[in-house]
Amino acid sequence: MSPLFTPAWFASGVVSAASAADFERIAAATLPPRPARYWRWMAFRDWTEERERLNTDECRAVYALGENEPDVNLGTALMCHAIYQRACPADVLESAKKSGRAPVRRAAGR
């Protein structure tokens, strides 16, 4: 079990055992300490930068990861990132339009 990443992060493919270990090592050496959401966001940014654009399956995975992220602000950012992708599928956009999160609904309306 990772202290920074829940099983959902591994299941989504955003982090692997190797990348999680790297972020945990860096986090342990960083002073002052930063919250886990900081490292999850860095891992997400690292993962997305490796791809020029997310594909349909990656959009679905990122959106679902955001919906289930305990940190609502981080989760909302993940969901919006998925919505802004060209390959964002219609079912994700429809779900986003009905989201309980106002920023997600606004992003879906664009």
C-alpha atoms as a PDB file:
ATOM      1  CA  MET A   1       0.000   0.000   0.000  1.00  0.00           C
ATOM      2  CA  SER A   2       1.315   3.398  -0.966  1.00  0.00           C
ATOM      3  CA  PRO A   3       1.226   6.300   1.501  1.00  0.00           C
ATOM      4  CA  LEU A   4       0.616   8.767  -1.345  1.00  0.00           C
ATOM      5  CA  PHE A   5      -1.549   6.918  -3.860  1.00  0.00           C
ATOM      6  CA  THR A   6      -4.760   4.973  -3.397  1.00  0.00           C
ATOM      7  CA  PRO A   7      -5.403   1.765  -5.333  1.00  0.00           C
ATOM      8  CA  ALA A   8      -7.561   3.816  -7.746  1.00  0.00           C
ATOM      9  CA  TRP A   9      -4.452   5.703  -8.892  1.00  0.00           C
ATOM     10  CA  PHE A  10      -2.767   2.426  -9.824  1.00  0.00           C
ATOM     11  CA  ALA A  11      -5.926   0.998 -11.424  1.00  0.00           C
ATOM     12  CA  SER A  12      -6.307   4.106 -13.603  1.00  0.00           C
ATOM     13  CA  GLY A  13      -2.779   3.650 -14.927  1.00  0.00           C
ATOM     14  CA  VAL A  14      -1.733   7.133 -13.843  1.00  0.00           C
ATOM     15  CA  VAL A  15       0.880   5.687 -11.499  1.00  0.00           C
ATOM     16  CA  SER A  16       2.822   2.451 -11.534  1.00  0.00           C
ATOM     17  CA  ALA A  17       4.704   0.807  -8.705  1.00  0.00           C
ATOM     18  CA  ALA A  18       7.919   2.334 -10.056  1.00  0.00           C
ATOM     19  CA  SER A  19       6.577   5.877 -10.434  1.00  0.00           C
ATOM     20  CA  ALA A  20       4.885   5.726  -7.020  1.00  0.00           C
ATOM     21  CA  ALA A  21       8.179   4.628  -5.452  1.00  0.00           C
ATOM     22  CA  ASP A  22       9.964   7.547  -7.145  1.00  0.00           C
ATOM     23  CA  PHE A  23       7.440  10.092  -5.880  1.00  0.00           C
ATOM     24  CA  GLU A  24       7.496   8.580  -2.376  1.00  0.00           C
ATOM     25  CA  ARG A  25      11.293   8.800  -2.308  1.00  0.00           C
ATOM     26  CA  ILE A  26      11.249  12.426  -3.449  1.00  0.00           C
ATOM     27  CA  ALA A  27       8.442  13.294  -1.013  1.00  0.00           C
ATOM     28  CA  ALA A  28      10.342  11.767   1.896  1.00  0.00           C
ATOM     29  CA  ALA A  29      13.378  13.932   1.120  1.00  0.00           C
ATOM     30  CA  THR A  30      11.456  17.190   0.629  1.00  0.00           C
ATOM     31  CA  LEU A  31      11.477  19.804   3.354  1.00  0.00           C
ATOM     32  CA  PRO A  32       9.225  21.298   4.330  1.00  0.00           C
ATOM     33  CA  PRO A  33       6.892  18.362   3.751  1.00  0.00           C
ATOM     34  CA  ARG A  34       4.104  18.773   1.218  1.00  0.00           C
ATOM     35  CA  PRO A  35       0.644  17.204   1.423  1.00  0.00           C
ATOM     36  CA  ALA A  36      -0.136  13.989  -0.433  1.00  0.00           C
ATOM     37  CA  ARG A  37      -2.378  15.856  -2.884  1.00  0.00           C
ATOM     38  CA  TYR A  38       0.655  17.843  -4.039  1.00  0.00           C
ATOM     39  CA  TRP A  39       2.454  14.625  -4.967  1.00  0.00           C
ATOM     40  CA  ARG A  40      -0.649  13.129  -6.592  1.00  0.00           C
ATOM     41  CA  TRP A  41      -0.972  16.266  -8.724  1.00  0.00           C
ATOM     42  CA  MET A  42       2.731  16.084  -9.664  1.00  0.00           C
ATOM     43  CA  ALA A  43       2.320  12.432 -10.627  1.00  0.00           C
ATOM     44  CA  PHE A  44      -0.713  13.281 -12.726  1.00  0.00           C
ATOM     45  CA  ARG A  45       1.100  16.145 -14.469  1.00  0.00           C
ATOM     46  CA  ASP A  46       4.089  13.882 -15.106  1.00  0.00           C
ATOM     47  CA  TRP A  47       1.830  11.204 -16.587  1.00  0.00           C
ATOM     48  CA  THR A  48      -0.078  13.615 -18.823  1.00  0.00           C
ATOM     49  CA  GLU A  49       3.099  15.307 -20.053  1.00  0.00           C
ATOM     50  CA  GLU A  50       4.273  11.916 -21.323  1.00  0.00           C
ATOM     51  CA  ARG A  51       1.244  11.940 -23.619  1.00  0.00           C
ATOM     52  CA  GLU A  52       0.529  14.732 -26.021  1.00  0.00           C
ATOM     53  CA  ARG A  53      -3.197  14.099 -25.763  1.00  0.00           C
ATOM     54  CA  LEU A  54      -5.219  11.641 -23.741  1.00  0.00           C
ATOM     55  CA  ASN A  55      -7.138   8.997 -25.663  1.00  0.00           C
ATOM     56  CA  THR A  56     -10.767   8.074 -24.994  1.00  0.00           C
ATOM     57  CA  ASP A  57      -9.955   5.354 -22.457  1.00  0.00           C
ATOM     58  CA  GLU A  58      -7.481   7.582 -20.623  1.00  0.00           C
ATOM     59  CA  CYS A  59     -10.091  10.364 -20.461  1.00  0.00           C
ATOM     60  CA  ARG A  60     -12.594   7.972 -18.906  1.00  0.00           C
ATOM     61  CA  ALA A  61     -10.019   6.700 -16.420  1.00  0.00           C
ATOM     62  CA  VAL A  62      -8.897  10.197 -15.391  1.00  0.00           C
ATOM     63  CA  TYR A  63     -12.481  11.449 -15.043  1.00  0.00           C
ATOM     64  CA  ALA A  64     -13.405   8.452 -12.859  1.00  0.00           C
ATOM     65  CA  LEU A  65     -10.251   8.911 -10.817  1.00  0.00           C
ATOM     66  CA  GLY A  66     -11.218  12.535 -10.219  1.00  0.00           C
ATOM     67  CA  GLU A  67     -14.765  11.625  -9.205  1.00  0.00           C
ATOM     68  CA  ASN A  68     -13.430   9.260  -6.558  1.00  0.00           C
ATOM     69  CA  GLU A  69     -10.475  11.355  -5.358  1.00  0.00           C
ATOM     70  CA  PRO A  70     -10.885  12.162  -1.638  1.00  0.00           C
ATOM     71  CA  ASP A  71      -9.392  15.619  -2.167  1.00  0.00           C
ATOM     72  CA  VAL A  72     -12.277  17.392  -3.920  1.00  0.00           C
ATOM     73  CA  ASN A  73     -10.125  20.162  -5.394  1.00  0.00           C
ATOM     74  CA  LEU A  74      -7.647  17.710  -6.883  1.00  0.00           C
ATOM     75  CA  GLY A  75     -10.474  15.510  -8.120  1.00  0.00           C
ATOM     76  CA  THR A  76     -12.171  18.463  -9.797  1.00  0.00           C
ATOM     77  CA  ALA A  77      -8.919  19.420 -11.542  1.00  0.00           C
ATOM     78  CA  LEU A  78      -8.531  15.852 -12.845  1.00  0.00           C
ATOM     79  CA  MET A  79     -12.111  15.765 -14.091  1.00  0.00           C
ATOM     80  CA  CYS A  80     -11.751  19.115 -15.869  1.00  0.00           C
ATOM     81  CA  HIS A  81      -8.493  18.009 -17.458  1.00  0.00           C
ATOM     82  CA  ALA A  82     -10.264  14.981 -18.935  1.00  0.00           C
ATOM     83  CA  ILE A  83     -13.160  17.110 -20.198  1.00  0.00           C
ATOM     84  CA  TYR A  84     -10.830  19.513 -22.013  1.00  0.00           C
ATOM     85  CA  GLN A  85      -9.256  16.713 -24.063  1.00  0.00           C
ATOM     86  CA  ARG A  86     -10.267  16.389 -27.723  1.00  0.00           C
ATOM     87  CA  ALA A  87     -10.836  12.668 -27.267  1.00  0.00           C
ATOM     88  CA  CYS A  88     -13.165  13.141 -24.304  1.00  0.00           C
ATOM     89  CA  PRO A  89     -16.058  10.799 -25.061  1.00  0.00           C
ATOM     90  CA  ALA A  90     -19.665  11.961 -25.167  1.00  0.00           C
ATOM     91  CA  ASP A  91     -20.677   9.826 -22.174  1.00  0.00           C
ATOM     92  CA  VAL A  92     -18.078  11.569 -19.997  1.00  0.00           C
ATOM     93  CA  LEU A  93     -19.253  14.997 -21.176  1.00  0.00           C
ATOM     94  CA  GLU A  94     -22.863  14.083 -20.417  1.00  0.00           C
ATOM     95  CA  SER A  95     -21.896  12.890 -16.953  1.00  0.00           C
ATOM     96  CA  ALA A  96     -19.914  16.089 -16.402  1.00  0.00           C
ATOM     97  CA  LYS A  97     -22.915  18.244 -17.334  1.00  0.00           C
ATOM     98  CA  LYS A  98     -24.795  16.611 -14.450  1.00  0.00           C
ATOM     99  CA  SER A  99     -21.921  16.740 -11.959  1.00  0.00           C
ATOM    100  CA  GLY A 100     -22.474  18.073  -8.476  1.00  0.00           C
ATOM    101  CA  ARG A 101     -19.325  20.160  -8.962  1.00  0.00           C
ATOM    102  CA  ALA A 102     -19.964  23.558 -10.556  1.00  0.00           C
ATOM    103  CA  PRO A 103     -16.496  23.858 -12.170  1.00  0.00           C
ATOM    104  CA  VAL A 104     -16.979  20.478 -13.847  1.00  0.00           C
ATOM    105  CA  ARG A 105     -20.391  21.497 -15.200  1.00  0.00           C
ATOM    106  CA  ARG A 106     -18.912  24.760 -16.515  1.00  0.00           C
ATOM    107  CA  ALA A 107     -16.053  22.922 -18.199  1.00  0.00           C
ATOM    108  CA  ALA A 108     -18.485  20.515 -19.839  1.00  0.00           C
ATOM    109  CA  GLY A 109     -20.520  23.399 -21.167  1.00  0.00           C
ATOM    110  CA  ARG A 110     -17.612  24.832 -23.144  1.00  0.00           C
END
